[in-house]
């Protein structure tokens, strides 16, 4: 297809086609040609900025997406990708501001609600996180990230059964989330509530994770908790000792778990202090 050098819209269309063909580098090239014709072409700025963000060039993404926003401040198109770019750049306050702008335009924007819930959890703004989670799940009760945040908030509150249910549903929505899978094993193995614990299921799940992810310290810790719940303390001790062979941030927690199993007791989780 021959494209006129000053055909802004044609270059933009070729960029969209390249994205559909999973060719981001070609798409970037086409959007750049469109911008060479019209530097303030908002749609092209948004698309190319999003592509730079996807390949990890966050500074360039922020630059382009900010231009898209300032060129057309009433256009909601750049808001969500710019919020994501700010988040990746560590500009948390700006990210929150722009996620909120997305919600001002579309109060049911699921990805912004879930992102705000997750950010609020990270910032220990638990009441805000709960509000965003409840709004998100009222729109889509099976949204994986909203359910994951819901589970974390429930664990903090000692709502063990609710947390286990949320983790199961999150996994059903996104089976490729090892952190959720590991957390579910720990809840099934170590929740204080008798009606939540299921050591046999915890062992089965932990063994599957060891097969799929390898025997990382995180997996071995979960496997040990599961073994301890079923009374297999020799296996629990072996798993923790192997986990301790790898230096890392879990060392103190693993050492405490080792002492627990040496004492012949299973692991028990605790709710956060109120």
Protein backbone atom coordinates (compact mmCIF):
# COMPACT_ATOMS: atom_id res chain seq x y z
CA UNK A 1 0.00 0.00 0.00
CA UNK A 2 1.44 3.34 -1.07
CA UNK A 3 0.98 6.08 1.51
CA UNK A 4 1.33 9.75 0.74
CA UNK A 5 4.05 11.38 2.88
CA UNK A 6 1.60 13.87 4.41
CA UNK A 7 -1.29 11.41 4.88
CA UNK A 8 -1.69 11.59 8.63
CA UNK A 9 -4.77 9.40 8.83
CA UNK A 10 -3.35 6.75 6.50
CA UNK A 11 -0.22 6.36 8.61
CA UNK A 12 -2.41 6.14 11.71
CA UNK A 13 -4.54 3.42 10.09
CA UNK A 14 -1.40 1.50 9.18
CA UNK A 15 -0.28 1.76 12.80
CA UNK A 16 -3.56 0.29 14.00
CA UNK A 17 -3.22 -2.53 11.48
CA UNK A 18 0.32 -3.26 12.67
CA UNK A 19 -0.92 -3.48 16.25
CA UNK A 20 -3.59 -5.95 15.20
CA UNK A 21 -0.86 -8.00 13.54
CA UNK A 22 1.18 -7.94 16.78
CA UNK A 23 3.95 -5.85 15.24
CA UNK A 24 4.51 -3.04 17.77
CA UNK A 25 7.74 -1.79 16.21
CA UNK A 26 6.04 -1.28 12.85
CA UNK A 27 3.13 0.39 14.63
CA UNK A 28 5.48 2.81 16.39
CA UNK A 29 7.09 3.63 13.06
CA UNK A 30 3.70 4.36 11.46
CA UNK A 31 2.49 6.51 14.34
CA UNK A 32 5.79 8.41 14.25
CA UNK A 33 5.22 9.12 10.55
CA UNK A 34 1.72 10.39 11.36
CA UNK A 35 3.18 12.65 14.06
CA UNK A 36 5.84 13.94 11.68
CA UNK A 37 2.95 15.25 9.62
CA UNK A 38 0.98 16.57 12.60
CA UNK A 39 2.91 16.68 15.90
CA UNK A 40 -0.24 17.31 17.95
CA UNK A 41 -2.20 14.36 16.56
CA UNK A 42 -3.80 13.22 19.82
CA UNK A 43 -4.86 9.71 18.79
CA UNK A 44 -1.39 8.90 17.45
CA UNK A 45 0.25 10.29 20.60
CA UNK A 46 -1.97 8.07 22.75
CA UNK A 47 -1.28 4.94 20.72
CA UNK A 48 2.48 5.43 20.44
CA UNK A 49 2.75 6.38 24.11
CA UNK A 50 0.92 3.20 25.10
CA UNK A 51 3.29 1.14 22.95
CA UNK A 52 6.36 2.70 24.53
CA UNK A 53 4.87 1.90 27.95
CA UNK A 54 4.31 -1.72 26.90
CA UNK A 55 7.96 -2.14 25.95
CA UNK A 56 9.15 -0.60 29.22
CA UNK A 57 10.25 2.87 28.09
CA UNK A 58 8.24 4.58 30.80
CA UNK A 59 9.85 8.03 30.54
CA UNK A 60 9.12 8.24 26.82
CA UNK A 61 5.60 6.91 27.40
CA UNK A 62 4.87 9.59 30.00
CA UNK A 63 6.22 12.30 27.70
CA UNK A 64 4.03 11.24 24.78
CA UNK A 65 0.89 10.56 26.81
CA UNK A 66 1.20 13.90 28.60
CA UNK A 67 1.38 15.56 25.20
CA UNK A 68 -1.75 13.68 24.15
CA UNK A 69 -3.54 14.89 27.26
CA UNK A 70 -2.46 18.52 26.99
CA UNK A 71 -3.31 18.66 23.28
CA UNK A 72 -6.86 17.47 23.96
CA UNK A 73 -7.59 17.77 27.70
CA UNK A 74 -11.27 16.91 27.23
CA UNK A 75 -10.51 13.64 25.43
CA UNK A 76 -10.71 10.68 27.85
CA UNK A 77 -8.54 8.50 25.58
CA UNK A 78 -5.13 9.28 27.14
CA UNK A 79 -6.31 9.22 30.76
CA UNK A 80 -6.05 5.52 31.57
CA UNK A 81 -2.76 4.82 29.75
CA UNK A 82 -1.27 7.95 31.30
CA UNK A 83 -2.39 6.81 34.76
CA UNK A 84 -0.68 3.47 34.15
CA UNK A 85 2.49 5.17 32.93
CA UNK A 86 2.58 7.41 36.00
CA UNK A 87 2.19 4.32 38.18
CA UNK A 88 5.06 2.56 36.42
CA UNK A 89 7.17 5.69 36.83
CA UNK A 90 6.53 5.71 40.59
CA UNK A 91 4.42 8.88 40.42
CA UNK A 92 1.70 7.43 42.61
CA UNK A 93 -0.20 10.63 43.36
CA UNK A 94 -0.39 11.50 39.67
CA UNK A 95 -1.52 7.95 38.88
CA UNK A 96 -4.32 8.15 41.44
CA UNK A 97 -5.37 11.54 40.07
CA UNK A 98 -5.65 10.22 36.53
CA UNK A 99 -7.42 7.00 37.49
CA UNK A 100 -9.94 9.24 39.24
CA UNK A 101 -10.29 11.31 36.09
CA UNK A 102 -11.10 8.12 34.18
CA UNK A 103 -13.81 7.35 36.73
CA UNK A 104 -15.17 10.88 36.47
CA UNK A 105 -15.72 10.18 32.79
CA UNK A 106 -16.80 6.55 33.24
CA UNK A 107 -17.69 5.53 36.82
CA UNK A 108 -17.77 1.85 35.83
CA UNK A 109 -14.28 1.67 34.32
CA UNK A 110 -13.24 -1.66 35.85
CA UNK A 111 -9.50 -1.44 35.26
CA UNK A 112 -9.29 1.94 36.99
CA UNK A 113 -11.37 0.75 39.95
CA UNK A 114 -9.17 -2.33 40.31
CA UNK A 115 -5.97 -0.31 39.94
CA UNK A 116 -7.10 2.15 42.61
CA UNK A 117 -8.04 -0.73 44.91
CA UNK A 118 -4.61 -2.29 44.47
CA UNK A 119 -2.79 1.03 44.91
CA UNK A 120 -4.79 1.82 48.04
CA UNK A 121 -3.89 -1.58 49.48
CA UNK A 122 -0.20 -0.98 48.73
CA UNK A 123 -0.42 2.45 50.41
CA UNK A 124 -2.22 0.90 53.43
CA UNK A 125 -5.32 2.99 52.76
CA UNK A 126 -7.53 0.07 53.60
CA UNK A 127 -10.84 1.88 53.80
CA UNK A 128 -10.29 3.38 50.34
CA UNK A 129 -9.27 -0.04 49.02
CA UNK A 130 -12.44 -1.61 50.36
CA UNK A 131 -14.55 1.08 48.73
CA UNK A 132 -12.97 0.56 45.31
CA UNK A 133 -13.19 -3.23 45.60
CA UNK A 134 -16.86 -3.14 46.48
CA UNK A 135 -17.59 -0.82 43.56
CA UNK A 136 -15.63 -3.04 41.18
CA UNK A 137 -17.22 -6.29 42.31
CA UNK A 138 -20.69 -4.77 42.09
CA UNK A 139 -20.00 -4.30 38.38
CA UNK A 140 -18.13 -7.56 37.74
CA UNK A 141 -18.18 -10.07 40.57
CA UNK A 142 -15.52 -12.21 38.88
CA UNK A 143 -12.86 -9.58 38.22
CA UNK A 144 -9.58 -11.30 39.13
CA UNK A 145 -7.63 -8.32 40.50
CA UNK A 146 -10.58 -6.96 42.47
CA UNK A 147 -11.08 -10.41 44.02
CA UNK A 148 -7.38 -10.62 44.89
CA UNK A 149 -7.49 -7.28 46.70
CA UNK A 150 -10.74 -8.37 48.35
CA UNK A 151 -8.97 -11.47 49.66
CA UNK A 152 -6.07 -9.46 51.09
CA UNK A 153 -8.44 -7.09 52.86
CA UNK A 154 -10.44 -10.03 54.21
CA UNK A 155 -7.29 -11.69 55.55
CA UNK A 156 -6.36 -8.51 57.35
CA UNK A 157 -9.80 -8.51 58.95
CA UNK A 158 -9.66 -12.18 59.89
CA UNK A 159 -12.49 -13.06 57.51
CA UNK A 160 -10.92 -16.38 56.58
CA UNK A 161 -13.81 -18.04 54.76
CA UNK A 162 -14.47 -14.94 52.66
CA UNK A 163 -10.78 -14.68 51.81
CA UNK A 164 -10.59 -18.32 50.72
CA UNK A 165 -13.67 -17.90 48.55
CA UNK A 166 -12.30 -14.73 46.95
CA UNK A 167 -8.98 -16.44 46.20
CA UNK A 168 -10.70 -19.43 44.60
CA UNK A 169 -12.79 -17.12 42.44
CA UNK A 170 -9.76 -15.02 41.51
CA UNK A 171 -7.97 -18.18 40.36
CA UNK A 172 -11.00 -19.28 38.39
CA UNK A 173 -10.90 -15.92 36.58
CA UNK A 174 -7.12 -15.99 36.06
CA UNK A 175 -5.47 -19.38 36.50
CA UNK A 176 -2.04 -17.94 35.68
CA UNK A 177 -1.53 -16.04 38.92
CA UNK A 178 0.97 -17.91 41.11
CA UNK A 179 0.80 -15.38 43.95
CA UNK A 180 -2.93 -15.96 44.36
CA UNK A 181 -2.40 -19.72 44.15
CA UNK A 182 0.32 -19.60 46.83
CA UNK A 183 -1.79 -17.46 49.12
CA UNK A 184 -4.73 -19.84 48.77
CA UNK A 185 -2.49 -22.74 49.82
CA UNK A 186 -1.43 -20.84 52.94
CA UNK A 187 -5.02 -20.03 53.82
CA UNK A 188 -6.15 -23.63 53.32
CA UNK A 189 -3.21 -24.84 55.41
CA UNK A 190 -3.08 -22.26 58.16
CA UNK A 191 -6.32 -20.30 58.59
CA UNK A 192 -7.36 -20.25 62.28
CA UNK A 193 -10.91 -21.21 61.30
CA UNK A 194 -11.37 -24.98 61.34
CA UNK A 195 -14.05 -24.87 58.64
CA UNK A 196 -11.66 -23.14 56.20
CA UNK A 197 -8.61 -25.37 56.53
CA UNK A 198 -8.20 -28.30 54.16
CA UNK A 199 -4.74 -29.78 54.47
CA UNK A 200 -5.27 -32.42 51.80
CA UNK A 201 -6.33 -29.83 49.21
CA UNK A 202 -3.47 -27.55 50.31
CA UNK A 203 -0.92 -30.34 49.76
CA UNK A 204 -2.38 -31.13 46.34
CA UNK A 205 -2.27 -27.49 45.26
CA UNK A 206 1.23 -26.93 46.66
CA UNK A 207 2.60 -29.98 44.86
CA UNK A 208 1.10 -28.73 41.62
CA UNK A 209 2.78 -25.35 42.17
CA UNK A 210 6.12 -27.03 42.85
CA UNK A 211 5.73 -28.94 39.61
CA UNK A 212 4.76 -25.86 37.59
CA UNK A 213 6.93 -23.16 39.20
CA UNK A 214 9.81 -25.13 40.65
CA UNK A 215 10.78 -25.38 44.31
CA UNK A 216 11.21 -21.70 45.04
CA UNK A 217 11.34 -20.55 48.69
CA UNK A 218 7.76 -19.27 48.37
CA UNK A 219 6.50 -22.58 47.04
CA UNK A 220 8.44 -24.62 49.59
CA UNK A 221 7.06 -22.46 52.41
CA UNK A 222 3.51 -23.08 51.21
CA UNK A 223 4.20 -26.78 50.78
CA UNK A 224 5.61 -26.98 54.31
CA UNK A 225 2.51 -25.32 55.77
CA UNK A 226 0.34 -27.83 53.92
CA UNK A 227 2.37 -30.81 55.13
CA UNK A 228 2.26 -29.54 58.71
CA UNK A 229 -1.52 -29.23 58.55
CA UNK A 230 -1.75 -32.91 57.57
CA UNK A 231 0.64 -33.86 60.41
CA UNK A 232 3.58 -34.64 58.10
CA UNK A 233 6.09 -32.63 60.10
CA UNK A 234 9.18 -34.40 58.75
CA UNK A 235 8.20 -33.32 55.24
CA UNK A 236 7.36 -29.82 56.49
CA UNK A 237 10.78 -29.47 58.11
CA UNK A 238 12.53 -30.76 55.00
CA UNK A 239 10.68 -28.28 52.78
CA UNK A 240 11.51 -25.30 55.00
CA UNK A 241 15.14 -26.32 55.36
CA UNK A 242 15.46 -26.51 51.58
CA UNK A 243 13.81 -23.10 51.27
CA UNK A 244 16.33 -21.65 53.74
CA UNK A 245 19.18 -22.72 51.46
CA UNK A 246 18.25 -19.81 49.18
CA UNK A 247 19.07 -16.40 50.74
CA UNK A 248 16.35 -13.81 50.38
CA UNK A 249 13.71 -11.66 52.05
CA UNK A 250 11.75 -14.68 53.33
CA UNK A 251 14.61 -15.90 55.54
CA UNK A 252 13.27 -14.52 58.84
CA UNK A 253 9.76 -15.81 58.19
CA UNK A 254 11.05 -19.22 57.15
CA UNK A 255 13.19 -19.47 60.28
CA UNK A 256 10.15 -18.76 62.43
CA UNK A 257 8.14 -21.37 60.54
CA UNK A 258 10.95 -23.89 61.03
CA UNK A 259 10.79 -23.36 64.80
CA UNK A 260 7.03 -23.84 64.73
CA UNK A 261 7.27 -27.17 62.92
CA UNK A 262 10.12 -28.35 65.15
CA UNK A 263 7.75 -27.81 68.06
CA UNK A 264 5.22 -30.11 66.42
CA UNK A 265 2.70 -27.37 65.72
CA UNK A 266 1.10 -26.42 62.40
CA UNK A 267 1.28 -22.88 61.08
CA UNK A 268 -1.54 -20.48 61.96
CA UNK A 269 -2.15 -17.15 60.27
CA UNK A 270 -3.11 -14.05 62.24
CA UNK A 271 -5.38 -11.16 61.34
CA UNK A 272 -3.88 -7.67 61.33
CA UNK A 273 -4.10 -5.75 64.61
CA UNK A 274 -7.14 -3.53 64.73
